[in-house]
Amino acid sequence: MFGLFKKTSETEKLQKQYEKLMAEWHKLSTTNRAESDKKYTEAQLIADKINKLK
């Protein structure tokens, strides 16, 4: 209840976006290799941003 008004940090937002992209990457890895590679590249760029913020 006390976390209702807590704002998410930039790192938390990027982490959620990274997890979403990795899930999409995994799903596409069996059906569409080109799209899968694009998702993986996007996820790695976000991971780099997360590491810079830490």
PDB file of N, CA and C in Angstrom:
ATOM      1  N   MET A   1       0.820  -1.187   0.000  1.00  0.00           N
ATOM      2  CA  MET A   1       0.000   0.000   0.000  1.00  0.00           C
ATOM      3  C   MET A   1       0.862   1.248   0.000  1.00  0.00           C
ATOM      4  N   PHE A   2       1.984   1.210   0.717  1.00  0.00           N
ATOM      5  CA  PHE A   2       2.822   2.393   0.790  1.00  0.00           C
ATOM      6  C   PHE A   2       3.602   2.623  -0.500  1.00  0.00           C
ATOM      7  N   GLY A   3       3.689   1.622  -1.349  1.00  0.00           N
ATOM      8  CA  GLY A   3       4.394   1.758  -2.615  1.00  0.00           C
ATOM      9  C   GLY A   3       3.517   2.293  -3.742  1.00  0.00           C
ATOM     10  N   LEU A   4       2.272   2.635  -3.427  1.00  0.00           N
ATOM     11  CA  LEU A   4       1.357   3.116  -4.455  1.00  0.00           C
ATOM     12  C   LEU A   4       1.857   4.356  -5.166  1.00  0.00           C
ATOM     13  N   PHE A   5       2.429   5.282  -4.444  1.00  0.00           N
ATOM     14  CA  PHE A   5       2.813   6.555  -5.014  1.00  0.00           C
ATOM     15  C   PHE A   5       4.299   6.647  -5.307  1.00  0.00           C
ATOM     16  N   LYS A   6       4.988   5.529  -5.202  1.00  0.00           N
ATOM     17  CA  LYS A   6       6.420   5.505  -5.477  1.00  0.00           C
ATOM     18  C   LYS A   6       6.636   5.553  -6.988  1.00  0.00           C
ATOM     19  N   LYS A   7       7.477   6.458  -7.437  1.00  0.00           N
ATOM     20  CA  LYS A   7       7.784   6.551  -8.857  1.00  0.00           C
ATOM     21  C   LYS A   7       8.872   5.549  -9.197  1.00  0.00           C
ATOM     22  N   THR A   8       8.762   4.986 -10.394  1.00  0.00           N
ATOM     23  CA  THR A   8       9.774   4.038 -10.816  1.00  0.00           C
ATOM     24  C   THR A   8      10.994   4.788 -11.337  1.00  0.00           C
ATOM     25  N   SER A   9      12.138   4.268 -11.047  1.00  0.00           N
ATOM     26  CA  SER A   9      13.370   4.909 -11.497  1.00  0.00           C
ATOM     27  C   SER A   9      13.613   4.582 -12.971  1.00  0.00           C
ATOM     28  N   GLU A  10      14.542   5.297 -13.559  1.00  0.00           N
ATOM     29  CA  GLU A  10      14.892   5.065 -14.962  1.00  0.00           C
ATOM     30  C   GLU A  10      15.427   3.643 -15.155  1.00  0.00           C
ATOM     31  N   THR A  11      16.195   3.180 -14.189  1.00  0.00           N
ATOM     32  CA  THR A  11      16.750   1.826 -14.273  1.00  0.00           C
ATOM     33  C   THR A  11      15.644   0.776 -14.252  1.00  0.00           C
ATOM     34  N   GLU A  12      14.642   0.970 -13.407  1.00  0.00           N
ATOM     35  CA  GLU A  12      13.539   0.011 -13.330  1.00  0.00           C
ATOM     36  C   GLU A  12      12.745  -0.012 -14.634  1.00  0.00           C
ATOM     37  N   LYS A  13      12.527   1.156 -15.229  1.00  0.00           N
ATOM     38  CA  LYS A  13      11.814   1.224 -16.509  1.00  0.00           C
ATOM     39  C   LYS A  13      12.586   0.487 -17.593  1.00  0.00           C
ATOM     40  N   LEU A  14      13.896   0.729 -17.634  1.00  0.00           N
ATOM     41  CA  LEU A  14      14.722   0.066 -18.636  1.00  0.00           C
ATOM     42  C   LEU A  14      14.766  -1.440 -18.406  1.00  0.00           C
ATOM     43  N   GLN A  15      14.779  -1.864 -17.156  1.00  0.00           N
ATOM     44  CA  GLN A  15      14.811  -3.290 -16.839  1.00  0.00           C
ATOM     45  C   GLN A  15      13.535  -3.974 -17.322  1.00  0.00           C
ATOM     46  N   LYS A  16      12.390  -3.341 -17.125  1.00  0.00           N
ATOM     47  CA  LYS A  16      11.129  -3.919 -17.593  1.00  0.00           C
ATOM     48  C   LYS A  16      11.109  -4.016 -19.115  1.00  0.00           C
ATOM     49  N   GLN A  17      11.609  -2.970 -19.777  1.00  0.00           N
ATOM     50  CA  GLN A  17      11.658  -2.964 -21.235  1.00  0.00           C
ATOM     51  C   GLN A  17      12.610  -4.066 -21.737  1.00  0.00           C
ATOM     52  N   TYR A  18      13.730  -4.239 -21.043  1.00  0.00           N
ATOM     53  CA  TYR A  18      14.694  -5.286 -21.400  1.00  0.00           C
ATOM     54  C   TYR A  18      14.054  -6.670 -21.274  1.00  0.00           C
ATOM     55  N   GLU A  19      13.359  -6.895 -20.176  1.00  0.00           N
ATOM     56  CA  GLU A  19      12.715  -8.194 -19.965  1.00  0.00           C
ATOM     57  C   GLU A  19      11.658  -8.474 -21.030  1.00  0.00           C
ATOM     58  N   LYS A  20      10.917  -7.450 -21.418  1.00  0.00           N
ATOM     59  CA  LYS A  20       9.892  -7.608 -22.450  1.00  0.00           C
ATOM     60  C   LYS A  20      10.544  -7.981 -23.782  1.00  0.00           C
ATOM     61  N   LEU A  21      11.623  -7.283 -24.145  1.00  0.00           N
ATOM     62  CA  LEU A  21      12.298  -7.567 -25.404  1.00  0.00           C
ATOM     63  C   LEU A  21      12.913  -8.965 -25.414  1.00  0.00           C
ATOM     64  N   MET A  22      13.456  -9.387 -24.280  1.00  0.00           N
ATOM     65  CA  MET A  22      14.048 -10.718 -24.215  1.00  0.00           C
ATOM     66  C   MET A  22      12.978 -11.799 -24.349  1.00  0.00           C
ATOM     67  N   ALA A  23      11.794 -11.557 -23.802  1.00  0.00           N
ATOM     68  CA  ALA A  23      10.697 -12.519 -23.950  1.00  0.00           C
ATOM     69  C   ALA A  23      10.264 -12.609 -25.411  1.00  0.00           C
ATOM     70  N   GLU A  24      10.171 -11.454 -26.078  1.00  0.00           N
ATOM     71  CA  GLU A  24       9.811 -11.444 -27.494  1.00  0.00           C
ATOM     72  C   GLU A  24      10.897 -12.125 -28.324  1.00  0.00           C
ATOM     73  N   TRP A  25      12.145 -11.874 -27.971  1.00  0.00           N
ATOM     74  CA  TRP A  25      13.268 -12.493 -28.680  1.00  0.00           C
ATOM     75  C   TRP A  25      13.170 -14.010 -28.583  1.00  0.00           C
ATOM     76  N   HIS A  26      12.885 -14.500 -27.384  1.00  0.00           N
ATOM     77  CA  HIS A  26      12.811 -15.951 -27.192  1.00  0.00           C
ATOM     78  C   HIS A  26      11.668 -16.555 -27.991  1.00  0.00           C
ATOM     79  N   LYS A  27      10.541 -15.863 -28.026  1.00  0.00           N
ATOM     80  CA  LYS A  27       9.390 -16.369 -28.758  1.00  0.00           C
ATOM     81  C   LYS A  27       9.677 -16.395 -30.265  1.00  0.00           C
ATOM     82  N   LEU A  28      10.325 -15.350 -30.769  1.00  0.00           N
ATOM     83  CA  LEU A  28      10.609 -15.271 -32.197  1.00  0.00           C
ATOM     84  C   LEU A  28      11.768 -16.162 -32.638  1.00  0.00           C
ATOM     85  N   SER A  29      12.577 -16.598 -31.698  1.00  0.00           N
ATOM     86  CA  SER A  29      13.775 -17.361 -32.058  1.00  0.00           C
ATOM     87  C   SER A  29      13.454 -18.663 -32.786  1.00  0.00           C
ATOM     88  N   THR A  30      12.254 -19.169 -32.595  1.00  0.00           N
ATOM     89  CA  THR A  30      11.904 -20.431 -33.257  1.00  0.00           C
ATOM     90  C   THR A  30      11.163 -20.227 -34.572  1.00  0.00           C
ATOM     91  N   THR A  31      10.662 -19.018 -34.816  1.00  0.00           N
ATOM     92  CA  THR A  31       9.858 -18.813 -36.015  1.00  0.00           C
ATOM     93  C   THR A  31      10.477 -17.841 -37.018  1.00  0.00           C
ATOM     94  N   ASN A  32      11.045 -16.739 -36.549  1.00  0.00           N
ATOM     95  CA  ASN A  32      11.537 -15.710 -37.453  1.00  0.00           C
ATOM     96  C   ASN A  32      12.905 -15.236 -36.974  1.00  0.00           C
ATOM     97  N   ARG A  33      13.928 -15.761 -37.555  1.00  0.00           N
ATOM     98  CA  ARG A  33      15.291 -15.494 -37.083  1.00  0.00           C
ATOM     99  C   ARG A  33      15.700 -14.025 -37.253  1.00  0.00           C
ATOM    100  N   ALA A  34      15.316 -13.390 -38.348  1.00  0.00           N
ATOM    101  CA  ALA A  34      15.702 -12.000 -38.599  1.00  0.00           C
ATOM    102  C   ALA A  34      15.085 -11.067 -37.556  1.00  0.00           C
ATOM    103  N   GLU A  35      13.803 -11.235 -37.290  1.00  0.00           N
ATOM    104  CA  GLU A  35      13.136 -10.413 -36.272  1.00  0.00           C
ATOM    105  C   GLU A  35      13.700 -10.712 -34.889  1.00  0.00           C
ATOM    106  N   SER A  36      14.022 -11.965 -34.658  1.00  0.00           N
ATOM    107  CA  SER A  36      14.609 -12.365 -33.388  1.00  0.00           C
ATOM    108  C   SER A  36      15.935 -11.639 -33.159  1.00  0.00           C
ATOM    109  N   ASP A  37      16.751 -11.564 -34.186  1.00  0.00           N
ATOM    110  CA  ASP A  37      18.036 -10.873 -34.076  1.00  0.00           C
ATOM    111  C   ASP A  37      17.854  -9.384 -33.804  1.00  0.00           C
ATOM    112  N   LYS A  38      16.838  -8.777 -34.399  1.00  0.00           N
ATOM    113  CA  LYS A  38      16.555  -7.351 -34.165  1.00  0.00           C
ATOM    114  C   LYS A  38      16.172  -7.115 -32.702  1.00  0.00           C
ATOM    115  N   LYS A  39      15.321  -7.971 -32.169  1.00  0.00           N
ATOM    116  CA  LYS A  39      14.892  -7.841 -30.766  1.00  0.00           C
ATOM    117  C   LYS A  39      16.073  -8.013 -29.822  1.00  0.00           C
ATOM    118  N   TYR A  40      16.949  -8.955 -30.158  1.00  0.00           N
ATOM    119  CA  TYR A  40      18.119  -9.199 -29.313  1.00  0.00           C
ATOM    120  C   TYR A  40      19.041  -7.982 -29.317  1.00  0.00           C
ATOM    121  N   THR A  41      19.215  -7.379 -30.479  1.00  0.00           N
ATOM    122  CA  THR A  41      20.064  -6.189 -30.587  1.00  0.00           C
ATOM    123  C   THR A  41      19.481  -5.037 -29.773  1.00  0.00           C
ATOM    124  N   GLU A  42      18.176  -4.838 -29.863  1.00  0.00           N
ATOM    125  CA  GLU A  42      17.519  -3.789 -29.072  1.00  0.00           C
ATOM    126  C   GLU A  42      17.707  -4.047 -27.582  1.00  0.00           C
ATOM    127  N   ALA A  43      17.552  -5.289 -27.181  1.00  0.00           N
ATOM    128  CA  ALA A  43      17.701  -5.647 -25.767  1.00  0.00           C
ATOM    129  C   ALA A  43      19.124  -5.379 -25.290  1.00  0.00           C
ATOM    130  N   GLN A  44      20.099  -5.660 -26.114  1.00  0.00           N
ATOM    131  CA  GLN A  44      21.486  -5.426 -25.727  1.00  0.00           C
ATOM    132  C   GLN A  44      21.786  -3.939 -25.600  1.00  0.00           C
ATOM    133  N   LEU A  45      21.186  -3.114 -26.441  1.00  0.00           N
ATOM    134  CA  LEU A  45      21.360  -1.662 -26.320  1.00  0.00           C
ATOM    135  C   LEU A  45      20.786  -1.156 -24.995  1.00  0.00           C
ATOM    136  N   ILE A  46      19.656  -1.695 -24.607  1.00  0.00           N
ATOM    137  CA  ILE A  46      19.044  -1.309 -23.343  1.00  0.00           C
ATOM    138  C   ILE A  46      19.891  -1.799 -22.176  1.00  0.00           C
ATOM    139  N   ALA A  47      20.457  -3.006 -22.310  1.00  0.00           N
ATOM    140  CA  ALA A  47      21.331  -3.516 -21.252  1.00  0.00           C
ATOM    141  C   ALA A  47      22.555  -2.620 -21.077  1.00  0.00           C
ATOM    142  N   ASP A  48      23.076  -2.104 -22.166  1.00  0.00           N
ATOM    143  CA  ASP A  48      24.213  -1.188 -22.102  1.00  0.00           C
ATOM    144  C   ASP A  48      23.826   0.103 -21.358  1.00  0.00           C
ATOM    145  N   LYS A  49      22.617   0.601 -21.640  1.00  0.00           N
ATOM    146  CA  LYS A  49      22.137   1.810 -20.948  1.00  0.00           C
ATOM    147  C   LYS A  49      22.005   1.552 -19.448  1.00  0.00           C
ATOM    148  N   ILE A  50      21.498   0.385 -19.087  1.00  0.00           N
ATOM    149  CA  ILE A  50      21.337   0.033 -17.678  1.00  0.00           C
ATOM    150  C   ILE A  50      22.704   0.005 -17.000  1.00  0.00           C
ATOM    151  N   ASN A  51      23.673  -0.599 -17.655  1.00  0.00           N
ATOM    152  CA  ASN A  51      25.017  -0.680 -17.076  1.00  0.00           C
ATOM    153  C   ASN A  51      25.648   0.699 -16.907  1.00  0.00           C
ATOM    154  N   LYS A  52      25.388   1.614 -17.832  1.00  0.00           N
ATOM    155  CA  LYS A  52      25.930   2.970 -17.722  1.00  0.00           C
ATOM    156  C   LYS A  52      25.304   3.719 -16.553  1.00  0.00           C
ATOM    157  N   LEU A  53      24.032   3.458 -16.277  1.00  0.00           N
ATOM    158  CA  LEU A  53      23.355   4.136 -15.187  1.00  0.00           C
ATOM    159  C   LEU A  53      23.820   3.642 -13.815  1.00  0.00           C
ATOM    160  N   LYS A  54      24.331   2.427 -13.760  1.00  0.00           N
ATOM    161  CA  LYS A  54      24.775   1.863 -12.483  1.00  0.00           C
ATOM    162  C   LYS A  54      26.121   2.327 -12.131  1.00  0.00           C
TER     163      LYS A  54
END
